[in-house]
Amino acid sequence: MSLAGSGWCDIDFEADGKRVDHLFIPHSVDRSAYGNVGIPIVVIKNGDGPTVLLTGGTHGDEFEGQIVATRVARAVEPSDIHGQLIVIPCLNFPAATNGARCRLWMAAI
């Protein structure tokens, strides 16, 4: 699925169920103009209702949010909700994988 801007994801956000994949964000560095960063994403949907976005890992060295978001994504099943829950446990994936407060995209790829 193409997203606003130039990111993409293969998850069908309209389909009921629980899906796990990656949100791909294009990223260019000097050695390659065609790179991307894959950010883990979980989408849980059950019928119509509100959509809630839960994120962690904005700063890679703040582990509590990443742990909670991952636990929620594992525990919640579609039958537990009405609507849609989108979980991105490591919003700044390069920083999270390096355990760093923030990480320049260029240096992480």
PDB file of N, CA and C in Angstrom:
ATOM      1  N   MET A   1       0.843  -1.171   0.000  1.00  0.00           N
ATOM      2  CA  MET A   1       0.000   0.000   0.000  1.00  0.00           C
ATOM      3  C   MET A   1       0.889   1.236   0.000  1.00  0.00           C
ATOM      4  N   SER A   2       0.650   2.130  -0.897  1.00  0.00           N
ATOM      5  CA  SER A   2       1.377   3.387  -0.928  1.00  0.00           C
ATOM      6  C   SER A   2       0.805   4.308   0.146  1.00  0.00           C
ATOM      7  N   LEU A   3       1.671   5.028   0.811  1.00  0.00           N
ATOM      8  CA  LEU A   3       1.242   5.940   1.863  1.00  0.00           C
ATOM      9  C   LEU A   3       1.451   7.382   1.413  1.00  0.00           C
ATOM     10  N   ALA A   4       0.862   8.322   2.113  1.00  0.00           N
ATOM     11  CA  ALA A   4       1.095   9.736   1.806  1.00  0.00           C
ATOM     12  C   ALA A   4       2.590   9.987   1.848  1.00  0.00           C
ATOM     13  N   GLY A   5       3.103  10.710   0.893  1.00  0.00           N
ATOM     14  CA  GLY A   5       4.544  10.877   0.789  1.00  0.00           C
ATOM     15  C   GLY A   5       5.100   9.749  -0.055  1.00  0.00           C
ATOM     16  N   SER A   6       6.237   9.230   0.314  1.00  0.00           N
ATOM     17  CA  SER A   6       6.850   8.208  -0.532  1.00  0.00           C
ATOM     18  C   SER A   6       7.134   6.905   0.206  1.00  0.00           C
ATOM     19  N   GLY A   7       6.553   6.694   1.380  1.00  0.00           N
ATOM     20  CA  GLY A   7       6.720   5.432   2.084  1.00  0.00           C
ATOM     21  C   GLY A   7       5.737   4.408   1.559  1.00  0.00           C
ATOM     22  N   TRP A   8       5.981   3.128   1.881  1.00  0.00           N
ATOM     23  CA  TRP A   8       5.048   2.097   1.461  1.00  0.00           C
ATOM     24  C   TRP A   8       5.054   0.924   2.437  1.00  0.00           C
ATOM     25  N   CYS A   9       3.972   0.153   2.355  1.00  0.00           N
ATOM     26  CA  CYS A   9       3.791  -1.009   3.218  1.00  0.00           C
ATOM     27  C   CYS A   9       2.849  -1.963   2.498  1.00  0.00           C
ATOM     28  N   ASP A  10       3.084  -3.262   2.632  1.00  0.00           N
ATOM     29  CA  ASP A  10       2.241  -4.250   1.963  1.00  0.00           C
ATOM     30  C   ASP A  10       0.999  -4.634   2.763  1.00  0.00           C
ATOM     31  N   ILE A  11       0.817  -4.076   3.930  1.00  0.00           N
ATOM     32  CA  ILE A  11      -0.348  -4.401   4.756  1.00  0.00           C
ATOM     33  C   ILE A  11      -1.595  -3.737   4.180  1.00  0.00           C
ATOM     34  N   ASP A  12      -2.687  -4.496   4.133  1.00  0.00           N
ATOM     35  CA  ASP A  12      -3.983  -3.951   3.755  1.00  0.00           C
ATOM     36  C   ASP A  12      -4.633  -3.405   5.029  1.00  0.00           C
ATOM     37  N   PHE A  13      -4.633  -2.091   5.174  1.00  0.00           N
ATOM     38  CA  PHE A  13      -5.156  -1.455   6.378  1.00  0.00           C
ATOM     39  C   PHE A  13      -6.674  -1.540   6.495  1.00  0.00           C
ATOM     40  N   GLU A  14      -7.346  -1.982   5.439  1.00  0.00           N
ATOM     41  CA  GLU A  14      -8.805  -2.086   5.453  1.00  0.00           C
ATOM     42  C   GLU A  14      -9.292  -3.484   5.830  1.00  0.00           C
ATOM     43  N   ALA A  15      -8.420  -4.476   5.791  1.00  0.00           N
ATOM     44  CA  ALA A  15      -8.818  -5.866   6.048  1.00  0.00           C
ATOM     45  C   ALA A  15      -8.801  -6.176   7.546  1.00  0.00           C
ATOM     46  N   ASP A  16      -9.801  -6.928   7.986  1.00  0.00           N
ATOM     47  CA  ASP A  16      -9.828  -7.377   9.379  1.00  0.00           C
ATOM     48  C   ASP A  16      -8.737  -8.416   9.620  1.00  0.00           C
ATOM     49  N   GLY A  17      -8.259  -8.490  10.859  1.00  0.00           N
ATOM     50  CA  GLY A  17      -7.255  -9.470  11.243  1.00  0.00           C
ATOM     51  C   GLY A  17      -6.034  -8.803  11.845  1.00  0.00           C
ATOM     52  N   LYS A  18      -5.005  -9.610  12.039  1.00  0.00           N
ATOM     53  CA  LYS A  18      -3.750  -9.139  12.626  1.00  0.00           C
ATOM     54  C   LYS A  18      -2.647  -9.378  11.611  1.00  0.00           C
ATOM     55  N   ARG A  19      -1.927  -8.313  11.266  1.00  0.00           N
ATOM     56  CA  ARG A  19      -0.876  -8.408  10.267  1.00  0.00           C
ATOM     57  C   ARG A  19       0.404  -7.763  10.775  1.00  0.00           C
ATOM     58  N   VAL A  20       1.517  -8.391  10.455  1.00  0.00           N
ATOM     59  CA  VAL A  20       2.835  -7.900  10.856  1.00  0.00           C
ATOM     60  C   VAL A  20       3.683  -7.755   9.597  1.00  0.00           C
ATOM     61  N   ASP A  21       4.321  -6.614   9.446  1.00  0.00           N
ATOM     62  CA  ASP A  21       5.174  -6.387   8.272  1.00  0.00           C
ATOM     63  C   ASP A  21       6.122  -5.240   8.589  1.00  0.00           C
ATOM     64  N   HIS A  22       6.570  -4.570   7.548  1.00  0.00           N
ATOM     65  CA  HIS A  22       7.453  -3.416   7.689  1.00  0.00           C
ATOM     66  C   HIS A  22       6.898  -2.244   6.902  1.00  0.00           C
ATOM     67  N   LEU A  23       7.083  -1.079   7.446  1.00  0.00           N
ATOM     68  CA  LEU A  23       6.797   0.173   6.770  1.00  0.00           C
ATOM     69  C   LEU A  23       8.130   0.617   6.191  1.00  0.00           C
ATOM     70  N   PHE A  24       8.196   0.792   4.879  1.00  0.00           N
ATOM     71  CA  PHE A  24       9.461   1.130   4.230  1.00  0.00           C
ATOM     72  C   PHE A  24       9.526   2.617   3.921  1.00  0.00           C
ATOM     73  N   ILE A  25      10.587   3.234   4.394  1.00  0.00           N
ATOM     74  CA  ILE A  25      10.820   4.657   4.188  1.00  0.00           C
ATOM     75  C   ILE A  25      12.057   4.801   3.302  1.00  0.00           C
ATOM     76  N   PRO A  26      11.927   5.435   2.131  1.00  0.00           N
ATOM     77  CA  PRO A  26      13.087   5.604   1.262  1.00  0.00           C
ATOM     78  C   PRO A  26      14.178   6.416   1.952  1.00  0.00           C
ATOM     79  N   HIS A  27      15.411   6.027   1.684  1.00  0.00           N
ATOM     80  CA  HIS A  27      16.549   6.727   2.266  1.00  0.00           C
ATOM     81  C   HIS A  27      17.746   6.601   1.336  1.00  0.00           C
ATOM     82  N   SER A  28      18.304   7.716   0.972  1.00  0.00           N
ATOM     83  CA  SER A  28      19.467   7.737   0.086  1.00  0.00           C
ATOM     84  C   SER A  28      20.710   8.129   0.862  1.00  0.00           C
ATOM     85  N   VAL A  29      21.802   7.494   0.516  1.00  0.00           N
ATOM     86  CA  VAL A  29      23.120   7.853   1.035  1.00  0.00           C
ATOM     87  C   VAL A  29      24.048   7.992  -0.165  1.00  0.00           C
ATOM     88  N   ASP A  30      25.241   8.469   0.073  1.00  0.00           N
ATOM     89  CA  ASP A  30      26.175   8.697  -1.028  1.00  0.00           C
ATOM     90  C   ASP A  30      26.438   7.434  -1.851  1.00  0.00           C
ATOM     91  N   ARG A  31      26.499   6.284  -1.202  1.00  0.00           N
ATOM     92  CA  ARG A  31      26.836   5.063  -1.928  1.00  0.00           C
ATOM     93  C   ARG A  31      25.643   4.425  -2.633  1.00  0.00           C
ATOM     94  N   SER A  32      24.407   4.862  -2.321  1.00  0.00           N
ATOM     95  CA  SER A  32      23.227   4.306  -2.970  1.00  0.00           C
ATOM     96  C   SER A  32      22.067   5.291  -2.868  1.00  0.00           C
ATOM     97  N   ALA A  33      21.476   5.575  -4.010  1.00  0.00           N
ATOM     98  CA  ALA A  33      20.328   6.489  -4.043  1.00  0.00           C
ATOM     99  C   ALA A  33      19.006   5.755  -3.872  1.00  0.00           C
ATOM    100  N   TYR A  34      19.055   4.423  -3.748  1.00  0.00           N
ATOM    101  CA  TYR A  34      17.828   3.642  -3.759  1.00  0.00           C
ATOM    102  C   TYR A  34      17.629   2.797  -2.505  1.00  0.00           C
ATOM    103  N   GLY A  35      18.126   3.235  -1.374  1.00  0.00           N
ATOM    104  CA  GLY A  35      17.964   2.491  -0.137  1.00  0.00           C
ATOM    105  C   GLY A  35      16.636   2.776   0.532  1.00  0.00           C
ATOM    106  N   ASN A  36      16.339   1.985   1.544  1.00  0.00           N
ATOM    107  CA  ASN A  36      15.165   2.252   2.376  1.00  0.00           C
ATOM    108  C   ASN A  36      15.410   1.673   3.761  1.00  0.00           C
ATOM    109  N   VAL A  37      14.621   2.155   4.705  1.00  0.00           N
ATOM    110  CA  VAL A  37      14.671   1.669   6.075  1.00  0.00           C
ATOM    111  C   VAL A  37      13.349   0.963   6.343  1.00  0.00           C
ATOM    112  N   GLY A  38      13.422  -0.287   6.813  1.00  0.00           N
ATOM    113  CA  GLY A  38      12.222  -1.042   7.159  1.00  0.00           C
ATOM    114  C   GLY A  38      11.910  -0.880   8.633  1.00  0.00           C
ATOM    115  N   ILE A  39      10.729  -0.372   8.938  1.00  0.00           N
ATOM    116  CA  ILE A  39      10.305  -0.135  10.312  1.00  0.00           C
ATOM    117  C   ILE A  39       9.191  -1.133  10.641  1.00  0.00           C
ATOM    118  N   PRO A  40       9.362  -1.968  11.683  1.00  0.00           N
ATOM    119  CA  PRO A  40       8.321  -2.950  12.026  1.00  0.00           C
ATOM    120  C   PRO A  40       6.981  -2.280  12.330  1.00  0.00           C
ATOM    121  N   ILE A  41       5.909  -2.908  11.847  1.00  0.00           N
ATOM    122  CA  ILE A  41       4.560  -2.394  12.077  1.00  0.00           C
ATOM    123  C   ILE A  41       3.597  -3.569  12.256  1.00  0.00           C
ATOM    124  N   VAL A  42       2.652  -3.412  13.185  1.00  0.00           N
ATOM    125  CA  VAL A  42       1.602  -4.401  13.424  1.00  0.00           C
ATOM    126  C   VAL A  42       0.268  -3.675  13.287  1.00  0.00           C
ATOM    127  N   VAL A  43      -0.626  -4.247  12.491  1.00  0.00           N
ATOM    128  CA  VAL A  43      -1.958  -3.671  12.313  1.00  0.00           C
ATOM    129  C   VAL A  43      -2.975  -4.713  12.743  1.00  0.00           C
ATOM    130  N   ILE A  44      -3.823  -4.324  13.697  1.00  0.00           N
ATOM    131  CA  ILE A  44      -4.867  -5.201  14.215  1.00  0.00           C
ATOM    132  C   ILE A  44      -6.198  -4.508  13.957  1.00  0.00           C
ATOM    133  N   LYS A  45      -7.099  -5.185  13.244  1.00  0.00           N
ATOM    134  CA  LYS A  45      -8.369  -4.551  12.894  1.00  0.00           C
ATOM    135  C   LYS A  45      -9.509  -5.526  13.101  1.00  0.00           C
ATOM    136  N   ASN A  46     -10.605  -4.977  13.615  1.00  0.00           N
ATOM    137  CA  ASN A  46     -11.828  -5.749  13.787  1.00  0.00           C
ATOM    138  C   ASN A  46     -13.007  -4.820  13.554  1.00  0.00           C
ATOM    139  N   GLY A  47     -13.536  -4.825  12.351  1.00  0.00           N
ATOM    140  CA  GLY A  47     -14.716  -4.026  12.029  1.00  0.00           C
ATOM    141  C   GLY A  47     -14.459  -2.533  12.033  1.00  0.00           C
ATOM    142  N   ASP A  48     -15.570  -1.802  12.089  1.00  0.00           N
ATOM    143  CA  ASP A  48     -15.492  -0.342  12.100  1.00  0.00           C
ATOM    144  C   ASP A  48     -15.276   0.162  13.508  1.00  0.00           C
ATOM    145  N   GLY A  49     -14.718   1.348  13.607  1.00  0.00           N
ATOM    146  CA  GLY A  49     -14.463   1.964  14.899  1.00  0.00           C
ATOM    147  C   GLY A  49     -13.256   2.873  14.806  1.00  0.00           C
ATOM    148  N   PRO A  50     -12.840   3.394  15.932  1.00  0.00           N
ATOM    149  CA  PRO A  50     -11.711   4.327  15.924  1.00  0.00           C
ATOM    150  C   PRO A  50     -10.394   3.627  15.603  1.00  0.00           C
ATOM    151  N   THR A  51      -9.436   4.409  15.148  1.00  0.00           N
ATOM    152  CA  THR A  51      -8.085   3.919  14.917  1.00  0.00           C
ATOM    153  C   THR A  51      -7.174   4.540  15.963  1.00  0.00           C
ATOM    154  N   VAL A  52      -6.374   3.689  16.607  1.00  0.00           N
ATOM    155  CA  VAL A  52      -5.418   4.137  17.619  1.00  0.00           C
ATOM    156  C   VAL A  52      -4.024   3.773  17.134  1.00  0.00           C
ATOM    157  N   LEU A  53      -3.102   4.735  17.219  1.00  0.00           N
ATOM    158  CA  LEU A  53      -1.710   4.516  16.861  1.00  0.00           C
ATOM    159  C   LEU A  53      -0.881   4.503  18.134  1.00  0.00           C
ATOM    160  N   LEU A  54      -0.118   3.415  18.344  1.00  0.00           N
ATOM    161  CA  LEU A  54       0.754   3.272  19.502  1.00  0.00           C
ATOM    162  C   LEU A  54       2.183   3.167  18.989  1.00  0.00           C
ATOM    163  N   THR A  55       3.048   4.075  19.432  1.00  0.00           N
ATOM    164  CA  THR A  55       4.440   4.042  18.994  1.00  0.00           C
ATOM    165  C   THR A  55       5.384   3.999  20.186  1.00  0.00           C
ATOM    166  N   GLY A  56       6.544   3.466  19.947  1.00  0.00           N
ATOM    167  CA  GLY A  56       7.649   3.476  20.902  1.00  0.00           C
ATOM    168  C   GLY A  56       8.925   3.688  20.106  1.00  0.00           C
ATOM    169  N   GLY A  57      10.005   3.917  20.786  1.00  0.00           N
ATOM    170  CA  GLY A  57      11.292   4.010  20.106  1.00  0.00           C
ATOM    171  C   GLY A  57      11.524   5.273  19.320  1.00  0.00           C
ATOM    172  N   THR A  58      10.857   6.368  19.694  1.00  0.00           N
ATOM    173  CA  THR A  58      11.179   7.640  19.052  1.00  0.00           C
ATOM    174  C   THR A  58      12.629   7.984  19.342  1.00  0.00           C
ATOM    175  N   HIS A  59      13.035   7.767  20.576  1.00  0.00           N
ATOM    176  CA  HIS A  59      14.441   7.852  20.961  1.00  0.00           C
ATOM    177  C   HIS A  59      14.892   6.421  21.243  1.00  0.00           C
ATOM    178  N   GLY A  60      15.939   5.991  20.560  1.00  0.00           N
ATOM    179  CA  GLY A  60      16.355   4.597  20.614  1.00  0.00           C
ATOM    180  C   GLY A  60      16.836   4.110  21.962  1.00  0.00           C
ATOM    181  N   ASP A  61      17.210   5.036  22.860  1.00  0.00           N
ATOM    182  CA  ASP A  61      17.687   4.597  24.174  1.00  0.00           C
ATOM    183  C   ASP A  61      16.596   4.627  25.236  1.00  0.00           C
ATOM    184  N   GLU A  62      15.359   4.844  24.847  1.00  0.00           N
ATOM    185  CA  GLU A  62      14.219   4.777  25.760  1.00  0.00           C
ATOM    186  C   GLU A  62      13.503   3.456  25.488  1.00  0.00           C
ATOM    187  N   PHE A  63      13.867   2.438  26.241  1.00  0.00           N
ATOM    188  CA  PHE A  63      13.440   1.075  25.949  1.00  0.00           C
ATOM    189  C   PHE A  63      12.035   0.744  26.443  1.00  0.00           C
ATOM    190  N   GLU A  64      11.556   1.470  27.459  1.00  0.00           N
ATOM    191  CA  GLU A  64      10.274   1.118  28.074  1.00  0.00           C
ATOM    192  C   GLU A  64       9.130   1.146  27.071  1.00  0.00           C
ATOM    193  N   GLY A  65       9.053   2.191  26.260  1.00  0.00           N
ATOM    194  CA  GLY A  65       7.984   2.305  25.268  1.00  0.00           C
ATOM    195  C   GLY A  65       8.054   1.206  24.224  1.00  0.00           C
ATOM    196  N   GLN A  66       9.267   0.844  23.833  1.00  0.00           N
ATOM    197  CA  GLN A  66       9.444  -0.227  22.849  1.00  0.00           C
ATOM    198  C   GLN A  66       8.965  -1.560  23.416  1.00  0.00           C
ATOM    199  N   ILE A  67       9.283  -1.802  24.672  1.00  0.00           N
ATOM    200  CA  ILE A  67       8.879  -3.054  25.325  1.00  0.00           C
ATOM    201  C   ILE A  67       7.365  -3.120  25.464  1.00  0.00           C
ATOM    202  N   VAL A  68       6.754  -2.035  25.933  1.00  0.00           N
ATOM    203  CA  VAL A  68       5.296  -2.015  26.115  1.00  0.00           C
ATOM    204  C   VAL A  68       4.580  -2.163  24.777  1.00  0.00           C
ATOM    205  N   ALA A  69       5.015  -1.434  23.769  1.00  0.00           N
ATOM    206  CA  ALA A  69       4.372  -1.513  22.452  1.00  0.00           C
ATOM    207  C   ALA A  69       4.469  -2.928  21.884  1.00  0.00           C
ATOM    208  N   THR A  70       5.622  -3.565  22.043  1.00  0.00           N
ATOM    209  CA  THR A  70       5.796  -4.932  21.556  1.00  0.00           C
ATOM    210  C   THR A  70       4.897  -5.901  22.309  1.00  0.00           C
ATOM    211  N   ARG A  71       4.798  -5.744  23.619  1.00  0.00           N
ATOM    212  CA  ARG A  71       3.924  -6.622  24.422  1.00  0.00           C
ATOM    213  C   ARG A  71       2.457  -6.440  24.039  1.00  0.00           C
ATOM    214  N   VAL A  72       2.053  -5.196  23.817  1.00  0.00           N
ATOM    215  CA  VAL A  72       0.668  -4.938  23.402  1.00  0.00           C
ATOM    216  C   VAL A  72       0.404  -5.588  22.048  1.00  0.00           C
ATOM    217  N   ALA A  73       1.328  -5.423  21.097  1.00  0.00           N
ATOM    218  CA  ALA A  73       1.157  -5.995  19.760  1.00  0.00           C
ATOM    219  C   ALA A  73       1.041  -7.512  19.812  1.00  0.00           C
ATOM    220  N   ARG A  74       1.787  -8.147  20.697  1.00  0.00           N
ATOM    221  CA  ARG A  74       1.720  -9.610  20.827  1.00  0.00           C
ATOM    222  C   ARG A  74       0.441 -10.067  21.513  1.00  0.00           C
ATOM    223  N   ALA A  75      -0.013  -9.313  22.497  1.00  0.00           N
ATOM    224  CA  ALA A  75      -1.130  -9.748  23.329  1.00  0.00           C
ATOM    225  C   ALA A  75      -2.506  -9.488  22.716  1.00  0.00           C
ATOM    226  N   VAL A  76      -2.661  -8.373  22.016  1.00  0.00           N
ATOM    227  CA  VAL A  76      -3.983  -7.989  21.513  1.00  0.00           C
ATOM    228  C   VAL A  76      -4.333  -8.806  20.274  1.00  0.00           C
ATOM    229  N   GLU A  77      -5.528  -9.368  20.293  1.00  0.00           N
ATOM    230  CA  GLU A  77      -6.067 -10.109  19.153  1.00  0.00           C
ATOM    231  C   GLU A  77      -7.224  -9.306  18.563  1.00  0.00           C
ATOM    232  N   PRO A  78      -7.543  -9.538  17.295  1.00  0.00           N
ATOM    233  CA  PRO A  78      -8.644  -8.781  16.687  1.00  0.00           C
ATOM    234  C   PRO A  78      -9.948  -8.848  17.471  1.00  0.00           C
ATOM    235  N   SER A  79     -10.242  -9.980  18.067  1.00  0.00           N
ATOM    236  CA  SER A  79     -11.493 -10.121  18.830  1.00  0.00           C
ATOM    237  C   SER A  79     -11.504  -9.260  20.094  1.00  0.00           C
ATOM    238  N   ASP A  80     -10.356  -8.746  20.507  1.00  0.00           N
ATOM    239  CA  ASP A  80     -10.260  -7.905  21.708  1.00  0.00           C
ATOM    240  C   ASP A  80     -10.673  -6.457  21.458  1.00  0.00           C
ATOM    241  N   ILE A  81     -10.766  -6.056  20.182  1.00  0.00           N
ATOM    242  CA  ILE A  81     -11.003  -4.643  19.884  1.00  0.00           C
ATOM    243  C   ILE A  81     -12.158  -4.456  18.907  1.00  0.00           C
ATOM    244  N   HIS A  82     -12.626  -3.222  18.802  1.00  0.00           N
ATOM    245  CA  HIS A  82     -13.571  -2.784  17.779  1.00  0.00           C
ATOM    246  C   HIS A  82     -12.935  -1.570  17.131  1.00  0.00           C
ATOM    247  N   GLY A  83     -12.499  -1.710  15.905  1.00  0.00           N
ATOM    248  CA  GLY A  83     -11.783  -0.646  15.215  1.00  0.00           C
ATOM    249  C   GLY A  83     -10.418  -1.143  14.802  1.00  0.00           C
ATOM    250  N   GLN A  84      -9.441  -0.256  14.899  1.00  0.00           N
ATOM    251  CA  GLN A  84      -8.105  -0.602  14.423  1.00  0.00           C
ATOM    252  C   GLN A  84      -7.033  -0.106  15.386  1.00  0.00           C
ATOM    253  N   LEU A  85      -6.053  -0.956  15.629  1.00  0.00           N
ATOM    254  CA  LEU A  85      -4.886  -0.611  16.436  1.00  0.00           C
ATOM    255  C   LEU A  85      -3.657  -0.776  15.553  1.00  0.00           C
ATOM    256  N   ILE A  86      -2.890   0.287  15.408  1.00  0.00           N
ATOM    257  CA  ILE A  86      -1.640   0.262  14.653  1.00  0.00           C
ATOM    258  C   ILE A  86      -0.512   0.445  15.659  1.00  0.00           C
ATOM    259  N   VAL A  87       0.428  -0.505  15.677  1.00  0.00           N
ATOM    260  CA  VAL A  87       1.536  -0.471  16.625  1.00  0.00           C
ATOM    261  C   VAL A  87       2.846  -0.391  15.844  1.00  0.00           C
ATOM    262  N   ILE A  88       3.640   0.628  16.150  1.00  0.00           N
ATOM    263  CA  ILE A  88       4.988   0.773  15.596  1.00  0.00           C
ATOM    264  C   ILE A  88       5.932   0.824  16.796  1.00  0.00           C
ATOM    265  N   PRO A  89       6.492  -0.332  17.184  1.00  0.00           N
ATOM    266  CA  PRO A  89       7.280  -0.383  18.414  1.00  0.00           C
ATOM    267  C   PRO A  89       8.615   0.354  18.355  1.00  0.00           C
ATOM    268  N   CYS A  90       9.181   0.506  17.172  1.00  0.00           N
ATOM    269  CA  CYS A  90      10.487   1.173  17.022  1.00  0.00           C
ATOM    270  C   CYS A  90      10.380   2.231  15.934  1.00  0.00           C
ATOM    271  N   LEU A  91       9.787   3.349  16.271  1.00  0.00           N
ATOM    272  CA  LEU A  91       9.551   4.398  15.284  1.00  0.00           C
ATOM    273  C   LEU A  91      10.852   4.871  14.635  1.00  0.00           C
ATOM    274  N   ASN A  92      11.886   5.051  15.420  1.00  0.00           N
ATOM    275  CA  ASN A  92      13.210   5.420  14.896  1.00  0.00           C
ATOM    276  C   ASN A  92      14.058   4.156  14.928  1.00  0.00           C
ATOM    277  N   PHE A  93      13.823   3.264  13.970  1.00  0.00           N
ATOM    278  CA  PHE A  93      14.439   1.946  13.978  1.00  0.00           C
ATOM    279  C   PHE A  93      15.969   1.981  13.997  1.00  0.00           C
ATOM    280  N   PRO A  94      16.628   2.846  13.224  1.00  0.00           N
ATOM    281  CA  PRO A  94      18.098   2.889  13.311  1.00  0.00           C
ATOM    282  C   PRO A  94      18.607   3.230  14.711  1.00  0.00           C
ATOM    283  N   ALA A  95      17.964   4.161  15.385  1.00  0.00           N
ATOM    284  CA  ALA A  95      18.381   4.506  16.750  1.00  0.00           C
ATOM    285  C   ALA A  95      18.078   3.360  17.712  1.00  0.00           C
ATOM    286  N   ALA A  96      16.912   2.722  17.546  1.00  0.00           N
ATOM    287  CA  ALA A  96      16.534   1.616  18.435  1.00  0.00           C
ATOM    288  C   ALA A  96      17.490   0.438  18.293  1.00  0.00           C
ATOM    289  N   THR A  97      17.878   0.098  17.075  1.00  0.00           N
ATOM    290  CA  THR A  97      18.789  -1.034  16.895  1.00  0.00           C
ATOM    291  C   THR A  97      20.187  -0.725  17.408  1.00  0.00           C
ATOM    292  N   ASN A  98      20.522   0.548  17.518  1.00  0.00           N
ATOM    293  CA  ASN A  98      21.829   0.945  18.040  1.00  0.00           C
ATOM    294  C   ASN A  98      21.780   1.350  19.512  1.00  0.00           C
ATOM    295  N   GLY A  99      20.588   1.356  20.105  1.00  0.00           N
ATOM    296  CA  GLY A  99      20.454   1.759  21.505  1.00  0.00           C
ATOM    297  C   GLY A  99      20.920   3.180  21.738  1.00  0.00           C
ATOM    298  N   ALA A 100      20.750   4.025  20.733  1.00  0.00           N
ATOM    299  CA  ALA A 100      21.216   5.409  20.799  1.00  0.00           C
ATOM    300  C   ALA A 100      20.036   6.371  20.929  1.00  0.00           C
ATOM    301  N   ARG A 101      20.272   7.499  21.547  1.00  0.00           N
ATOM    302  CA  ARG A 101      19.216   8.497  21.720  1.00  0.00           C
ATOM    303  C   ARG A 101      18.609   8.865  20.380  1.00  0.00           C
ATOM    304  N   CYS A 102      19.420   9.233  19.464  1.00  0.00           N
ATOM    305  CA  CYS A 102      18.982   9.501  18.094  1.00  0.00           C
ATOM    306  C   CYS A 102      20.118   9.057  17.177  1.00  0.00           C
ATOM    307  N   ARG A 103      19.786   8.733  16.001  1.00  0.00           N
ATOM    308  CA  ARG A 103      20.788   8.219  15.075  1.00  0.00           C
ATOM    309  C   ARG A 103      20.558   8.864  13.723  1.00  0.00           C
ATOM    310  N   LEU A 104      21.587   9.407  13.159  1.00  0.00           N
ATOM    311  CA  LEU A 104      21.453   9.953  11.815  1.00  0.00           C
ATOM    312  C   LEU A 104      21.153   8.808  10.865  1.00  0.00           C
ATOM    313  N   TRP A 105      20.143   8.992  10.039  1.00  0.00           N
ATOM    314  CA  TRP A 105      19.775   7.949   9.081  1.00  0.00           C
ATOM    315  C   TRP A 105      20.976   7.565   8.233  1.00  0.00           C
ATOM    316  N   MET A 106      21.747   8.559   7.832  1.00  0.00           N
ATOM    317  CA  MET A 106      22.876   8.298   6.949  1.00  0.00           C
ATOM    318  C   MET A 106      23.889   7.373   7.608  1.00  0.00           C
ATOM    319  N   ALA A 107      24.145   7.579   8.879  1.00  0.00           N
ATOM    320  CA  ALA A 107      25.138   6.776   9.574  1.00  0.00           C
ATOM    321  C   ALA A 107      24.635   5.367   9.874  1.00  0.00           C
ATOM    322  N   ALA A 108      23.327   5.191   9.948  1.00  0.00           N
ATOM    323  CA  ALA A 108      22.769   3.900  10.342  1.00  0.00           C
ATOM    324  C   ALA A 108      22.618   2.939   9.176  1.00  0.00           C
ATOM    325  N   ILE A 109      22.625   3.426   7.981  1.00  0.00           N
ATOM    326  CA  ILE A 109      22.380   2.562   6.821  1.00  0.00           C
ATOM    327  C   ILE A 109      23.688   2.134   6.200  1.00  0.00           C
TER     328      ILE A 109
END
